[in-house]
Amino acid sequence: QQPDTAAEDPAAWQVVTRRAPDADELADL
Protein backbone atom coordinates (compact mmCIF):
# COMPACT_ATOMS: atom_id res chain seq x y z
CA GLN A 1 0.00 0.00 0.00
CA GLN A 2 1.12 3.54 -0.63
CA PRO A 3 2.07 5.38 2.56
CA ASP A 4 -0.39 8.05 3.64
CA THR A 5 1.95 11.03 3.40
CA ALA A 6 0.12 13.46 1.10
CA ALA A 7 -0.31 16.98 2.42
CA GLU A 8 -3.80 17.98 3.52
CA ASP A 9 -5.73 20.58 1.54
CA PRO A 10 -8.52 21.98 3.74
CA ALA A 11 -9.46 24.34 0.90
CA ALA A 12 -10.67 21.26 -1.02
CA TRP A 13 -12.86 20.04 1.84
CA GLN A 14 -16.60 20.31 1.30
CA VAL A 15 -19.35 20.98 3.83
CA VAL A 16 -22.15 18.62 2.77
CA THR A 17 -24.77 19.32 5.46
CA ARG A 18 -27.12 22.26 5.94
CA ARG A 19 -25.23 23.24 9.08
CA ALA A 20 -21.60 24.17 8.59
CA PRO A 21 -19.14 23.66 11.42
CA ASP A 22 -18.42 26.81 13.42
CA ALA A 23 -14.82 28.07 13.75
CA ASP A 24 -14.08 26.03 16.90
CA GLU A 25 -15.56 22.87 15.40
CA LEU A 26 -13.58 23.38 12.19
CA ALA A 27 -10.34 23.73 14.16
CA ASP A 28 -11.19 20.55 16.07
CA LEU A 29 -12.08 18.75 12.82
PDB file of all heavy atoms in Angstrom:
ATOM      1  N   GLN A   1       0.843  -1.184   0.000  1.00  0.00           N
ATOM      2  CA  GLN A   1       0.000   0.000   0.000  1.00  0.00           C
ATOM      3  C   GLN A   1       0.881   1.237   0.000  1.00  0.00           C
ATOM      4  O   GLN A   1       1.991   1.220   0.522  1.00  0.00           O
ATOM      5  CB  GLN A   1      -0.960   0.015   1.177  1.00  0.00           C
ATOM      6  CG  GLN A   1      -0.313   0.071   2.537  1.00  0.00           C
ATOM      7  CD  GLN A   1      -1.349  -0.003   3.658  1.00  0.00           C
ATOM      8  OE1 GLN A   1      -2.536  -0.172   3.430  1.00  0.00           O
ATOM      9  NE2 GLN A   1      -0.896   0.130   4.887  1.00  0.00           N
ATOM     10  N   GLN A   2       0.382   2.289  -0.615  1.00  0.00           N
ATOM     11  CA  GLN A   2       1.124   3.543  -0.628  1.00  0.00           C
ATOM     12  C   GLN A   2       1.031   4.174   0.759  1.00  0.00           C
ATOM     13  O   GLN A   2      -0.035   4.179   1.372  1.00  0.00           O
ATOM     14  CB  GLN A   2       0.543   4.495  -1.669  1.00  0.00           C
ATOM     15  CG  GLN A   2       0.771   4.024  -3.085  1.00  0.00           C
ATOM     16  CD  GLN A   2       0.155   4.976  -4.087  1.00  0.00           C
ATOM     17  OE1 GLN A   2      -0.864   5.572  -3.849  1.00  0.00           O
ATOM     18  NE2 GLN A   2       0.808   5.092  -5.219  1.00  0.00           N
ATOM     19  N   PRO A   3       2.141   4.721   1.254  1.00  0.00           N
ATOM     20  CA  PRO A   3       2.071   5.380   2.558  1.00  0.00           C
ATOM     21  C   PRO A   3       1.191   6.627   2.486  1.00  0.00           C
ATOM     22  O   PRO A   3       1.122   7.293   1.450  1.00  0.00           O
ATOM     23  CB  PRO A   3       3.526   5.738   2.871  1.00  0.00           C
ATOM     24  CG  PRO A   3       4.291   5.541   1.616  1.00  0.00           C
ATOM     25  CD  PRO A   3       3.471   4.717   0.686  1.00  0.00           C
ATOM     26  N   ASP A   4       0.528   6.910   3.562  1.00  0.00           N
ATOM     27  CA  ASP A   4      -0.388   8.049   3.642  1.00  0.00           C
ATOM     28  C   ASP A   4       0.413   9.281   4.057  1.00  0.00           C
ATOM     29  O   ASP A   4       0.436   9.650   5.226  1.00  0.00           O
ATOM     30  CB  ASP A   4      -1.490   7.730   4.657  1.00  0.00           C
ATOM     31  CG  ASP A   4      -2.571   8.777   4.705  1.00  0.00           C
ATOM     32  OD1 ASP A   4      -2.544   9.717   3.884  1.00  0.00           O
ATOM     33  OD2 ASP A   4      -3.446   8.671   5.564  1.00  0.00           O
ATOM     34  N   THR A   5       1.079   9.904   3.083  1.00  0.00           N
ATOM     35  CA  THR A   5       1.951  11.034   3.397  1.00  0.00           C
ATOM     36  C   THR A   5       1.564  12.309   2.650  1.00  0.00           C
ATOM     37  O   THR A   5       2.239  13.321   2.799  1.00  0.00           O
ATOM     38  CB  THR A   5       3.411  10.695   3.053  1.00  0.00           C
ATOM     39  OG1 THR A   5       3.489  10.328   1.674  1.00  0.00           O
ATOM     40  CG2 THR A   5       3.934   9.568   3.919  1.00  0.00           C
ATOM     41  N   ALA A   6       0.504  12.275   1.876  1.00  0.00           N
ATOM     42  CA  ALA A   6       0.123  13.462   1.098  1.00  0.00           C
ATOM     43  C   ALA A   6      -0.280  14.598   2.036  1.00  0.00           C
ATOM     44  O   ALA A   6      -0.879  14.380   3.084  1.00  0.00           O
ATOM     45  CB  ALA A   6      -1.033  13.124   0.159  1.00  0.00           C
ATOM     46  N   ALA A   7       0.052  15.803   1.634  1.00  0.00           N
ATOM     47  CA  ALA A   7      -0.309  16.982   2.421  1.00  0.00           C
ATOM     48  C   ALA A   7      -1.823  17.192   2.372  1.00  0.00           C
ATOM     49  O   ALA A   7      -2.475  16.884   1.367  1.00  0.00           O
ATOM     50  CB  ALA A   7       0.408  18.212   1.877  1.00  0.00           C
ATOM     51  N   GLU A   8      -2.362  17.694   3.458  1.00  0.00           N
ATOM     52  CA  GLU A   8      -3.799  17.982   3.518  1.00  0.00           C
ATOM     53  C   GLU A   8      -4.095  19.281   2.775  1.00  0.00           C
ATOM     54  O   GLU A   8      -3.276  20.188   2.769  1.00  0.00           O
ATOM     55  CB  GLU A   8      -4.252  18.099   4.971  1.00  0.00           C
ATOM     56  CG  GLU A   8      -4.114  16.827   5.758  1.00  0.00           C
ATOM     57  CD  GLU A   8      -4.915  15.674   5.192  1.00  0.00           C
ATOM     58  OE1 GLU A   8      -5.930  15.889   4.516  1.00  0.00           O
ATOM     59  OE2 GLU A   8      -4.512  14.527   5.419  1.00  0.00           O
ATOM     60  N   ASP A   9      -5.292  19.369   2.217  1.00  0.00           N
ATOM     61  CA  ASP A   9      -5.731  20.581   1.537  1.00  0.00           C
ATOM     62  C   ASP A   9      -7.119  20.959   2.031  1.00  0.00           C
ATOM     63  O   ASP A   9      -8.118  20.645   1.379  1.00  0.00           O
ATOM     64  CB  ASP A   9      -5.733  20.372   0.014  1.00  0.00           C
ATOM     65  CG  ASP A   9      -6.104  21.623  -0.750  1.00  0.00           C
ATOM     66  OD1 ASP A   9      -6.137  22.721  -0.143  1.00  0.00           O
ATOM     67  OD2 ASP A   9      -6.368  21.519  -1.961  1.00  0.00           O
ATOM     68  N   PRO A  10      -7.211  21.612   3.202  1.00  0.00           N
ATOM     69  CA  PRO A  10      -8.523  21.975   3.741  1.00  0.00           C
ATOM     70  C   PRO A  10      -9.354  22.836   2.792  1.00  0.00           C
ATOM     71  O   PRO A  10     -10.582  22.828   2.876  1.00  0.00           O
ATOM     72  CB  PRO A  10      -8.183  22.737   5.021  1.00  0.00           C
ATOM     73  CG  PRO A  10      -6.843  22.211   5.430  1.00  0.00           C
ATOM     74  CD  PRO A  10      -6.131  21.955   4.129  1.00  0.00           C
ATOM     75  N   ALA A  11      -8.708  23.522   1.862  1.00  0.00           N
ATOM     76  CA  ALA A  11      -9.460  24.336   0.897  1.00  0.00           C
ATOM     77  C   ALA A  11     -10.306  23.451  -0.022  1.00  0.00           C
ATOM     78  O   ALA A  11     -11.313  23.916  -0.578  1.00  0.00           O
ATOM     79  CB  ALA A  11      -8.500  25.191   0.079  1.00  0.00           C
ATOM     80  N   ALA A  12      -9.921  22.178  -0.161  1.00  0.00           N
ATOM     81  CA  ALA A  12     -10.672  21.259  -1.023  1.00  0.00           C
ATOM     82  C   ALA A  12     -11.782  20.529  -0.263  1.00  0.00           C
ATOM     83  O   ALA A  12     -12.582  19.825  -0.866  1.00  0.00           O
ATOM     84  CB  ALA A  12      -9.725  20.237  -1.653  1.00  0.00           C
ATOM     85  N   TRP A  13     -11.826  20.698   1.050  1.00  0.00           N
ATOM     86  CA  TRP A  13     -12.860  20.043   1.838  1.00  0.00           C
ATOM     87  C   TRP A  13     -14.214  20.661   1.523  1.00  0.00           C
ATOM     88  O   TRP A  13     -14.314  21.841   1.176  1.00  0.00           O
ATOM     89  CB  TRP A  13     -12.578  20.176   3.318  1.00  0.00           C
ATOM     90  CG  TRP A  13     -11.329  19.459   3.774  1.00  0.00           C
ATOM     91  CD1 TRP A  13     -10.518  18.645   3.039  1.00  0.00           C
ATOM     92  CD2 TRP A  13     -10.753  19.520   5.073  1.00  0.00           C
ATOM     93  NE1 TRP A  13      -9.478  18.189   3.804  1.00  0.00           N
ATOM     94  CE2 TRP A  13      -9.596  18.706   5.061  1.00  0.00           C
ATOM     95  CE3 TRP A  13     -11.097  20.171   6.238  1.00  0.00           C
ATOM     96  CZ2 TRP A  13      -8.777  18.536   6.176  1.00  0.00           C
ATOM     97  CZ3 TRP A  13     -10.293  19.996   7.357  1.00  0.00           C
ATOM     98  CH2 TRP A  13      -9.149  19.184   7.324  1.00  0.00           C
ATOM     99  N   GLN A  14     -15.258  19.870   1.669  1.00  0.00           N
ATOM    100  CA  GLN A  14     -16.600  20.314   1.298  1.00  0.00           C
ATOM    101  C   GLN A  14     -17.578  20.069   2.456  1.00  0.00           C
ATOM    102  O   GLN A  14     -17.695  18.947   2.941  1.00  0.00           O
ATOM    103  CB  GLN A  14     -17.051  19.543   0.052  1.00  0.00           C
ATOM    104  CG  GLN A  14     -18.416  19.883  -0.421  1.00  0.00           C
ATOM    105  CD  GLN A  14     -18.854  18.990  -1.576  1.00  0.00           C
ATOM    106  OE1 GLN A  14     -18.226  17.989  -1.898  1.00  0.00           O
ATOM    107  NE2 GLN A  14     -19.949  19.367  -2.190  1.00  0.00           N
ATOM    108  N   VAL A  15     -18.273  21.128   2.857  1.00  0.00           N
ATOM    109  CA  VAL A  15     -19.352  20.981   3.833  1.00  0.00           C
ATOM    110  C   VAL A  15     -20.549  20.436   3.067  1.00  0.00           C
ATOM    111  O   VAL A  15     -20.987  21.028   2.083  1.00  0.00           O
ATOM    112  CB  VAL A  15     -19.703  22.328   4.501  1.00  0.00           C
ATOM    113  CG1 VAL A  15     -20.897  22.160   5.433  1.00  0.00           C
ATOM    114  CG2 VAL A  15     -18.503  22.890   5.248  1.00  0.00           C
ATOM    115  N   VAL A  16     -21.084  19.288   3.515  1.00  0.00           N
ATOM    116  CA  VAL A  16     -22.152  18.622   2.774  1.00  0.00           C
ATOM    117  C   VAL A  16     -23.495  18.654   3.495  1.00  0.00           C
ATOM    118  O   VAL A  16     -24.490  18.168   2.964  1.00  0.00           O
ATOM    119  CB  VAL A  16     -21.761  17.162   2.430  1.00  0.00           C
ATOM    120  CG1 VAL A  16     -20.573  17.128   1.473  1.00  0.00           C
ATOM    121  CG2 VAL A  16     -21.476  16.356   3.690  1.00  0.00           C
ATOM    122  N   THR A  17     -23.530  19.239   4.677  1.00  0.00           N
ATOM    123  CA  THR A  17     -24.767  19.324   5.456  1.00  0.00           C
ATOM    124  C   THR A  17     -25.282  20.757   5.448  1.00  0.00           C
ATOM    125  O   THR A  17     -24.564  21.687   5.080  1.00  0.00           O
ATOM    126  CB  THR A  17     -24.515  18.885   6.919  1.00  0.00           C
ATOM    127  OG1 THR A  17     -23.359  19.570   7.412  1.00  0.00           O
ATOM    128  CG2 THR A  17     -24.324  17.388   7.010  1.00  0.00           C
ATOM    129  N   ARG A  18     -26.537  20.906   5.862  1.00  0.00           N
ATOM    130  CA  ARG A  18     -27.116  22.255   5.944  1.00  0.00           C
ATOM    131  C   ARG A  18     -26.367  23.108   6.955  1.00  0.00           C
ATOM    132  O   ARG A  18     -26.153  24.289   6.740  1.00  0.00           O
ATOM    133  CB  ARG A  18     -28.601  22.171   6.320  1.00  0.00           C
ATOM    134  CG  ARG A  18     -29.467  21.637   5.189  1.00  0.00           C
ATOM    135  CD  ARG A  18     -30.958  21.816   5.477  1.00  0.00           C
ATOM    136  NE  ARG A  18     -31.423  21.071   6.644  1.00  0.00           N
ATOM    137  CZ  ARG A  18     -32.005  19.884   6.586  1.00  0.00           C
ATOM    138  NH1 ARG A  18     -32.199  19.284   5.429  1.00  0.00           N
ATOM    139  NH2 ARG A  18     -32.403  19.286   7.692  1.00  0.00           N
ATOM    140  N   ARG A  19     -25.984  22.499   8.069  1.00  0.00           N
ATOM    141  CA  ARG A  19     -25.231  23.241   9.082  1.00  0.00           C
ATOM    142  C   ARG A  19     -23.743  23.072   8.833  1.00  0.00           C
ATOM    143  O   ARG A  19     -23.231  21.960   8.729  1.00  0.00           O
ATOM    144  CB  ARG A  19     -25.575  22.736  10.494  1.00  0.00           C
ATOM    145  CG  ARG A  19     -24.935  23.585  11.593  1.00  0.00           C
ATOM    146  CD  ARG A  19     -25.353  23.148  12.979  1.00  0.00           C
ATOM    147  NE  ARG A  19     -24.570  22.047  13.509  1.00  0.00           N
ATOM    148  CZ  ARG A  19     -23.325  22.151  13.972  1.00  0.00           C
ATOM    149  NH1 ARG A  19     -22.684  23.290  13.938  1.00  0.00           N
ATOM    150  NH2 ARG A  19     -22.718  21.088  14.465  1.00  0.00           N
ATOM    151  N   ALA A  20     -23.054  24.197   8.723  1.00  0.00           N
ATOM    152  CA  ALA A  20     -21.599  24.170   8.587  1.00  0.00           C
ATOM    153  C   ALA A  20     -20.977  24.175   9.983  1.00  0.00           C
ATOM    154  O   ALA A  20     -21.567  24.710  10.927  1.00  0.00           O
ATOM    155  CB  ALA A  20     -21.120  25.387   7.803  1.00  0.00           C
ATOM    156  N   PRO A  21     -19.791  23.600  10.128  1.00  0.00           N
ATOM    157  CA  PRO A  21     -19.138  23.659  11.422  1.00  0.00           C
ATOM    158  C   PRO A  21     -18.755  25.102  11.751  1.00  0.00           C
ATOM    159  O   PRO A  21     -18.377  25.857  10.859  1.00  0.00           O
ATOM    160  CB  PRO A  21     -17.898  22.777  11.252  1.00  0.00           C
ATOM    161  CG  PRO A  21     -17.690  22.637   9.789  1.00  0.00           C
ATOM    162  CD  PRO A  21     -19.009  22.864   9.135  1.00  0.00           C
ATOM    163  N   ASP A  22     -18.868  25.473  13.033  1.00  0.00           N
ATOM    164  CA  ASP A  22     -18.419  26.813  13.415  1.00  0.00           C
ATOM    165  C   ASP A  22     -16.889  26.805  13.479  1.00  0.00           C
ATOM    166  O   ASP A  22     -16.241  25.770  13.254  1.00  0.00           O
ATOM    167  CB  ASP A  22     -19.079  27.261  14.733  1.00  0.00           C
ATOM    168  CG  ASP A  22     -18.692  26.415  15.940  1.00  0.00           C
ATOM    169  OD1 ASP A  22     -17.579  25.860  15.978  1.00  0.00           O
ATOM    170  OD2 ASP A  22     -19.523  26.318  16.864  1.00  0.00           O
ATOM    171  N   ALA A  23     -16.290  27.940  13.777  1.00  0.00           N
ATOM    172  CA  ALA A  23     -14.824  28.068  13.745  1.00  0.00           C
ATOM    173  C   ALA A  23     -14.142  27.104  14.714  1.00  0.00           C
ATOM    174  O   ALA A  23     -13.127  26.486  14.374  1.00  0.00           O
ATOM    175  CB  ALA A  23     -14.425  29.509  14.050  1.00  0.00           C
ATOM    176  N   ASP A  24     -14.684  26.947  15.927  1.00  0.00           N
ATOM    177  CA  ASP A  24     -14.085  26.033  16.899  1.00  0.00           C
ATOM    178  C   ASP A  24     -14.201  24.586  16.430  1.00  0.00           C
ATOM    179  O   ASP A  24     -13.251  23.800  16.555  1.00  0.00           O
ATOM    180  CB  ASP A  24     -14.746  26.189  18.270  1.00  0.00           C
ATOM    181  CG  ASP A  24     -14.393  27.511  18.942  1.00  0.00           C
ATOM    182  OD1 ASP A  24     -13.356  28.116  18.588  1.00  0.00           O
ATOM    183  OD2 ASP A  24     -15.162  27.934  19.827  1.00  0.00           O
ATOM    184  N   GLU A  25     -15.374  24.238  15.910  1.00  0.00           N
ATOM    185  CA  GLU A  25     -15.563  22.868  15.405  1.00  0.00           C
ATOM    186  C   GLU A  25     -14.627  22.598  14.238  1.00  0.00           C
ATOM    187  O   GLU A  25     -14.053  21.506  14.141  1.00  0.00           O
ATOM    188  CB  GLU A  25     -17.018  22.666  14.978  1.00  0.00           C
ATOM    189  CG  GLU A  25     -17.991  22.615  16.127  1.00  0.00           C
ATOM    190  CD  GLU A  25     -19.447  22.671  15.691  1.00  0.00           C
ATOM    191  OE1 GLU A  25     -19.740  23.157  14.564  1.00  0.00           O
ATOM    192  OE2 GLU A  25     -20.303  22.227  16.481  1.00  0.00           O
ATOM    193  N   LEU A  26     -14.468  23.569  13.350  1.00  0.00           N
ATOM    194  CA  LEU A  26     -13.585  23.377  12.195  1.00  0.00           C
ATOM    195  C   LEU A  26     -12.141  23.161  12.650  1.00  0.00           C
ATOM    196  O   LEU A  26     -11.437  22.291  12.125  1.00  0.00           O
ATOM    197  CB  LEU A  26     -13.689  24.559  11.233  1.00  0.00           C
ATOM    198  CG  LEU A  26     -12.963  24.384   9.904  1.00  0.00           C
ATOM    199  CD1 LEU A  26     -13.437  23.136   9.160  1.00  0.00           C
ATOM    200  CD2 LEU A  26     -13.158  25.615   9.040  1.00  0.00           C
ATOM    201  N   ALA A  27     -11.699  23.927  13.634  1.00  0.00           N
ATOM    202  CA  ALA A  27     -10.344  23.730  14.163  1.00  0.00           C
ATOM    203  C   ALA A  27     -10.210  22.332  14.763  1.00  0.00           C
ATOM    204  O   ALA A  27      -9.191  21.654  14.547  1.00  0.00           O
ATOM    205  CB  ALA A  27     -10.030  24.795  15.206  1.00  0.00           C
ATOM    206  N   ASP A  28     -11.230  21.898  15.497  1.00  0.00           N
ATOM    207  CA  ASP A  28     -11.191  20.550  16.072  1.00  0.00           C
ATOM    208  C   ASP A  28     -11.262  19.476  14.994  1.00  0.00           C
ATOM    209  O   ASP A  28     -10.624  18.414  15.116  1.00  0.00           O
ATOM    210  CB  ASP A  28     -12.327  20.366  17.081  1.00  0.00           C
ATOM    211  CG  ASP A  28     -12.055  21.091  18.389  1.00  0.00           C
ATOM    212  OD1 ASP A  28     -10.879  21.391  18.692  1.00  0.00           O
ATOM    213  OD2 ASP A  28     -13.032  21.359  19.124  1.00  0.00           O
ATOM    214  N   LEU A  29     -12.019  19.714  13.925  1.00  0.00           N
ATOM    215  CA  LEU A  29     -12.078  18.748  12.825  1.00  0.00           C
ATOM    216  C   LEU A  29     -10.711  18.608  12.169  1.00  0.00           C
ATOM    217  O   LEU A  29     -10.281  17.498  11.835  1.00  0.00           O
ATOM    218  CB  LEU A  29     -13.130  19.165  11.795  1.00  0.00           C
ATOM    219  CG  LEU A  29     -14.583  18.990  12.232  1.00  0.00           C
ATOM    220  CD1 LEU A  29     -15.528  19.644  11.232  1.00  0.00           C
ATOM    221  CD2 LEU A  29     -14.939  17.522  12.428  1.00  0.00           C
TER     222      LEU A  29
END
